[in-house]
Amino acid sequence: MRAVRGALPRKTALELALRSGASPRSAETWLAGKGAPNAEALAALLRSDLGLIVLEAIMAGAAPPWWEALRRQIAISRLRRAQAEHQRALEALEREAAP
């Protein structure tokens, strides 16, 4: 749940509850490390905007081939997105510099 705290620094328990379908009290219990989400709540979290963060936390330290392949694809996707953003920024600067 540490990763979720980083992604949801404010009203973490409430935000976690909204995404998981659980009560805020249950979310507080998870965040305190005194319990864990049930399968239904975990599935809801994986389907939410926090899904990748939750999956990475679950898979921490694991290295099955499918996970390694997925992690590589995610890294490639992030790099391509950053590359496209840098390309747009470069082109904008070049347009500004043109006479």
N, C-alpha and C. Protein backbone atom coordinates (compact mmCIF):
# COMPACT_ATOMS: atom_id res chain seq x y z
N MET A 1 0.81 -1.20 0.00
CA MET A 1 0.00 0.00 0.00
C MET A 1 0.86 1.27 0.00
N ARG A 2 2.17 1.11 0.20
CA ARG A 2 3.06 2.27 0.18
C ARG A 2 3.00 2.96 -1.18
N ALA A 3 2.93 2.16 -2.24
CA ALA A 3 2.89 2.72 -3.59
C ALA A 3 1.60 3.51 -3.80
N VAL A 4 0.52 3.03 -3.23
CA VAL A 4 -0.77 3.73 -3.35
C VAL A 4 -0.70 5.06 -2.62
N ARG A 5 -0.06 5.07 -1.46
CA ARG A 5 0.10 6.34 -0.72
C ARG A 5 0.84 7.37 -1.57
N GLY A 6 1.86 6.91 -2.28
CA GLY A 6 2.61 7.83 -3.14
C GLY A 6 1.76 8.38 -4.27
N ALA A 7 0.87 7.56 -4.80
CA ALA A 7 0.01 8.00 -5.90
C ALA A 7 -1.17 8.83 -5.42
N LEU A 8 -1.58 8.61 -4.18
CA LEU A 8 -2.72 9.32 -3.60
C LEU A 8 -2.31 9.96 -2.27
N PRO A 9 -1.53 11.03 -2.33
CA PRO A 9 -1.00 11.60 -1.08
C PRO A 9 -2.04 12.28 -0.19
N ARG A 10 -3.19 12.62 -0.74
CA ARG A 10 -4.22 13.30 0.05
C ARG A 10 -5.47 12.44 0.13
N LYS A 11 -6.04 12.35 1.31
CA LYS A 11 -7.25 11.56 1.53
C LYS A 11 -7.09 10.15 0.95
N THR A 12 -5.95 9.55 1.25
CA THR A 12 -5.58 8.26 0.67
C THR A 12 -6.64 7.20 0.92
N ALA A 13 -7.11 7.07 2.16
CA ALA A 13 -8.08 6.02 2.47
C ALA A 13 -9.39 6.24 1.71
N LEU A 14 -9.85 7.46 1.64
CA LEU A 14 -11.09 7.75 0.92
C LEU A 14 -10.93 7.46 -0.57
N GLU A 15 -9.84 7.91 -1.15
CA GLU A 15 -9.59 7.67 -2.57
C GLU A 15 -9.46 6.17 -2.87
N LEU A 16 -8.78 5.47 -1.99
CA LEU A 16 -8.62 4.02 -2.14
C LEU A 16 -9.97 3.32 -2.03
N ALA A 17 -10.79 3.76 -1.10
CA ALA A 17 -12.13 3.19 -0.93
C ALA A 17 -12.98 3.42 -2.18
N LEU A 18 -12.92 4.62 -2.72
CA LEU A 18 -13.70 4.92 -3.92
C LEU A 18 -13.30 4.03 -5.09
N ARG A 19 -12.02 3.78 -5.24
CA ARG A 19 -11.54 2.97 -6.36
C ARG A 19 -11.77 1.48 -6.15
N SER A 20 -11.80 1.03 -4.91
CA SER A 20 -11.90 -0.40 -4.62
C SER A 20 -13.33 -0.86 -4.36
N GLY A 21 -14.21 0.09 -4.07
CA GLY A 21 -15.57 -0.28 -3.72
C GLY A 21 -15.71 -0.71 -2.27
N ALA A 22 -14.66 -0.58 -1.50
CA ALA A 22 -14.69 -0.94 -0.09
C ALA A 22 -15.01 0.30 0.74
N SER A 23 -15.18 0.09 2.03
CA SER A 23 -15.45 1.22 2.92
C SER A 23 -14.15 1.96 3.23
N PRO A 24 -14.25 3.24 3.58
CA PRO A 24 -13.05 3.96 3.99
C PRO A 24 -12.37 3.30 5.19
N ARG A 25 -13.15 2.72 6.09
CA ARG A 25 -12.57 2.03 7.26
C ARG A 25 -11.72 0.84 6.81
N SER A 26 -12.21 0.07 5.83
CA SER A 26 -11.42 -1.05 5.31
C SER A 26 -10.13 -0.54 4.68
N ALA A 27 -10.24 0.53 3.92
CA ALA A 27 -9.06 1.10 3.28
C ALA A 27 -8.05 1.57 4.32
N GLU A 28 -8.53 2.14 5.41
CA GLU A 28 -7.63 2.57 6.49
C GLU A 28 -6.91 1.36 7.08
N THR A 29 -7.63 0.25 7.21
CA THR A 29 -7.03 -0.98 7.75
C THR A 29 -5.91 -1.47 6.83
N TRP A 30 -6.15 -1.45 5.51
CA TRP A 30 -5.13 -1.88 4.55
C TRP A 30 -3.91 -0.99 4.64
N LEU A 31 -4.16 0.32 4.70
CA LEU A 31 -3.06 1.28 4.73
C LEU A 31 -2.24 1.14 6.01
N ALA A 32 -2.88 0.70 7.08
CA ALA A 32 -2.17 0.50 8.35
C ALA A 32 -1.42 -0.83 8.37
N GLY A 33 -1.59 -1.63 7.33
CA GLY A 33 -0.91 -2.92 7.26
C GLY A 33 -1.54 -3.99 8.12
N LYS A 34 -2.78 -3.77 8.53
CA LYS A 34 -3.47 -4.73 9.40
C LYS A 34 -4.43 -5.63 8.65
N GLY A 35 -4.45 -5.52 7.38
CA GLY A 35 -5.33 -6.34 6.55
C GLY A 35 -4.99 -6.11 5.10
N ALA A 36 -5.68 -6.82 4.24
CA ALA A 36 -5.45 -6.69 2.80
C ALA A 36 -6.79 -6.70 2.09
N PRO A 37 -6.84 -6.11 0.91
CA PRO A 37 -8.10 -6.12 0.16
C PRO A 37 -8.51 -7.55 -0.19
N ASN A 38 -9.82 -7.79 -0.20
CA ASN A 38 -10.30 -9.08 -0.66
C ASN A 38 -10.18 -9.13 -2.19
N ALA A 39 -10.49 -10.26 -2.77
CA ALA A 39 -10.31 -10.44 -4.22
C ALA A 39 -11.12 -9.43 -5.02
N GLU A 40 -12.33 -9.17 -4.59
CA GLU A 40 -13.20 -8.23 -5.31
C GLU A 40 -12.61 -6.82 -5.29
N ALA A 41 -12.16 -6.37 -4.12
CA ALA A 41 -11.57 -5.04 -4.00
C ALA A 41 -10.26 -4.96 -4.77
N LEU A 42 -9.47 -6.02 -4.72
CA LEU A 42 -8.21 -6.04 -5.45
C LEU A 42 -8.46 -5.96 -6.95
N ALA A 43 -9.45 -6.71 -7.43
CA ALA A 43 -9.79 -6.66 -8.86
C ALA A 43 -10.23 -5.25 -9.25
N ALA A 44 -11.02 -4.60 -8.40
CA ALA A 44 -11.45 -3.23 -8.69
C ALA A 44 -10.26 -2.29 -8.75
N LEU A 45 -9.30 -2.46 -7.84
CA LEU A 45 -8.11 -1.61 -7.86
C LEU A 45 -7.29 -1.85 -9.13
N LEU A 46 -7.16 -3.10 -9.53
CA LEU A 46 -6.41 -3.42 -10.74
C LEU A 46 -7.07 -2.83 -11.98
N ARG A 47 -8.39 -2.68 -11.95
CA ARG A 47 -9.13 -2.11 -13.09
C ARG A 47 -9.16 -0.59 -13.04
N SER A 48 -8.71 0.00 -11.96
CA SER A 48 -8.78 1.45 -11.79
C SER A 48 -7.57 2.14 -12.42
N ASP A 49 -7.53 3.45 -12.28
CA ASP A 49 -6.38 4.21 -12.76
C ASP A 49 -5.12 3.90 -11.98
N LEU A 50 -5.25 3.21 -10.86
CA LEU A 50 -4.09 2.79 -10.07
C LEU A 50 -3.64 1.38 -10.42
N GLY A 51 -4.27 0.77 -11.42
CA GLY A 51 -4.03 -0.62 -11.73
C GLY A 51 -2.58 -1.01 -11.90
N LEU A 52 -1.84 -0.25 -12.67
CA LEU A 52 -0.44 -0.60 -12.90
C LEU A 52 0.38 -0.46 -11.62
N ILE A 53 0.10 0.56 -10.83
CA ILE A 53 0.81 0.75 -9.56
C ILE A 53 0.55 -0.43 -8.64
N VAL A 54 -0.70 -0.85 -8.56
CA VAL A 54 -1.08 -1.99 -7.71
C VAL A 54 -0.41 -3.26 -8.22
N LEU A 55 -0.46 -3.49 -9.53
CA LEU A 55 0.14 -4.69 -10.11
C LEU A 55 1.65 -4.72 -9.85
N GLU A 56 2.32 -3.58 -10.03
CA GLU A 56 3.76 -3.53 -9.78
C GLU A 56 4.07 -3.83 -8.31
N ALA A 57 3.23 -3.36 -7.40
CA ALA A 57 3.44 -3.63 -5.98
C ALA A 57 3.24 -5.11 -5.68
N ILE A 58 2.23 -5.70 -6.27
CA ILE A 58 1.97 -7.13 -6.07
C ILE A 58 3.11 -7.97 -6.61
N MET A 59 3.64 -7.59 -7.76
CA MET A 59 4.66 -8.39 -8.44
C MET A 59 6.08 -8.05 -8.01
N ALA A 60 6.25 -7.14 -7.07
CA ALA A 60 7.59 -6.75 -6.62
C ALA A 60 8.40 -7.98 -6.22
N GLY A 61 9.57 -8.10 -6.79
CA GLY A 61 10.46 -9.21 -6.47
C GLY A 61 10.19 -10.47 -7.27
N ALA A 62 9.11 -10.50 -8.01
CA ALA A 62 8.79 -11.68 -8.83
C ALA A 62 9.39 -11.49 -10.22
N ALA A 63 9.75 -12.59 -10.87
CA ALA A 63 10.37 -12.48 -12.19
C ALA A 63 9.93 -13.57 -13.16
N PRO A 64 8.62 -13.90 -13.20
CA PRO A 64 8.22 -14.87 -14.22
C PRO A 64 8.40 -14.23 -15.60
N PRO A 65 8.64 -15.04 -16.62
CA PRO A 65 8.89 -14.49 -17.96
C PRO A 65 7.81 -13.54 -18.46
N TRP A 66 6.55 -13.86 -18.21
CA TRP A 66 5.48 -12.98 -18.69
C TRP A 66 5.56 -11.60 -18.04
N TRP A 67 5.94 -11.55 -16.76
CA TRP A 67 6.04 -10.27 -16.07
C TRP A 67 7.23 -9.47 -16.58
N GLU A 68 8.34 -10.13 -16.79
CA GLU A 68 9.52 -9.44 -17.34
C GLU A 68 9.20 -8.88 -18.73
N ALA A 69 8.50 -9.65 -19.55
CA ALA A 69 8.13 -9.17 -20.89
C ALA A 69 7.19 -7.97 -20.80
N LEU A 70 6.23 -8.03 -19.90
CA LEU A 70 5.30 -6.92 -19.73
C LEU A 70 6.03 -5.68 -19.22
N ARG A 71 6.93 -5.86 -18.27
CA ARG A 71 7.70 -4.71 -17.76
C ARG A 71 8.52 -4.05 -18.86
N ARG A 72 9.11 -4.87 -19.72
CA ARG A 72 9.87 -4.30 -20.86
C ARG A 72 8.95 -3.51 -21.78
N GLN A 73 7.78 -4.07 -22.08
CA GLN A 73 6.84 -3.36 -22.96
C GLN A 73 6.37 -2.05 -22.35
N ILE A 74 6.14 -2.05 -21.05
CA ILE A 74 5.75 -0.83 -20.35
C ILE A 74 6.86 0.20 -20.44
N ALA A 75 8.10 -0.23 -20.23
CA ALA A 75 9.24 0.69 -20.32
C ALA A 75 9.37 1.25 -21.73
N ILE A 76 9.20 0.41 -22.74
CA ILE A 76 9.26 0.87 -24.13
C ILE A 76 8.18 1.90 -24.38
N SER A 77 6.97 1.63 -23.91
CA SER A 77 5.85 2.55 -24.11
C SER A 77 6.13 3.90 -23.44
N ARG A 78 6.64 3.88 -22.23
CA ARG A 78 6.96 5.13 -21.53
C ARG A 78 8.04 5.91 -22.27
N LEU A 79 9.05 5.22 -22.75
CA LEU A 79 10.12 5.89 -23.48
C LEU A 79 9.62 6.47 -24.80
N ARG A 80 8.77 5.74 -25.50
CA ARG A 80 8.21 6.27 -26.77
C ARG A 80 7.35 7.50 -26.52
N ARG A 81 6.58 7.47 -25.42
CA ARG A 81 5.75 8.63 -25.07
C ARG A 81 6.64 9.83 -24.78
N ALA A 82 7.70 9.62 -24.01
CA ALA A 82 8.63 10.71 -23.68
C ALA A 82 9.34 11.21 -24.93
N GLN A 83 9.71 10.28 -25.81
CA GLN A 83 10.37 10.65 -27.05
C GLN A 83 9.45 11.55 -27.90
N ALA A 84 8.17 11.19 -27.99
CA ALA A 84 7.22 11.98 -28.76
C ALA A 84 7.05 13.37 -28.14
N GLU A 85 7.00 13.44 -26.83
CA GLU A 85 6.89 14.74 -26.15
C GLU A 85 8.12 15.60 -26.41
N HIS A 86 9.28 14.99 -26.35
CA HIS A 86 10.52 15.74 -26.62
C HIS A 86 10.57 16.20 -28.07
N GLN A 87 10.10 15.36 -28.97
CA GLN A 87 10.08 15.73 -30.39
C GLN A 87 9.19 16.94 -30.61
N ARG A 88 8.01 16.94 -29.98
CA ARG A 88 7.11 18.09 -30.11
C ARG A 88 7.74 19.35 -29.53
N ALA A 89 8.40 19.23 -28.39
CA ALA A 89 9.05 20.39 -27.77
C ALA A 89 10.17 20.91 -28.66
N LEU A 90 10.95 20.00 -29.22
CA LEU A 90 12.03 20.40 -30.12
C LEU A 90 11.49 21.13 -31.34
N GLU A 91 10.46 20.59 -31.93
CA GLU A 91 9.87 21.23 -33.12
C GLU A 91 9.31 22.61 -32.79
N ALA A 92 8.72 22.77 -31.63
CA ALA A 92 8.21 24.08 -31.22
C ALA A 92 9.35 25.07 -31.05
N LEU A 93 10.45 24.65 -30.46
CA LEU A 93 11.61 25.55 -30.31
C LEU A 93 12.21 25.90 -31.67
N GLU A 94 12.25 24.93 -32.55
CA GLU A 94 12.78 25.22 -33.89
C GLU A 94 11.89 26.19 -34.65
N ARG A 95 10.58 26.08 -34.48
CA ARG A 95 9.67 27.05 -35.14
C ARG A 95 9.89 28.45 -34.59
N GLU A 96 10.09 28.55 -33.26
CA GLU A 96 10.34 29.85 -32.64
C GLU A 96 11.66 30.45 -33.10
N ALA A 97 12.64 29.61 -33.36
CA ALA A 97 13.97 30.08 -33.74
C ALA A 97 14.05 30.42 -35.22
N ALA A 98 13.11 29.95 -36.01
CA ALA A 98 13.16 30.20 -37.45
C ALA A 98 12.94 31.67 -37.75
N PRO A 99 13.68 32.19 -38.75
CA PRO A 99 13.55 33.63 -39.09
C PRO A 99 12.21 33.99 -39.69
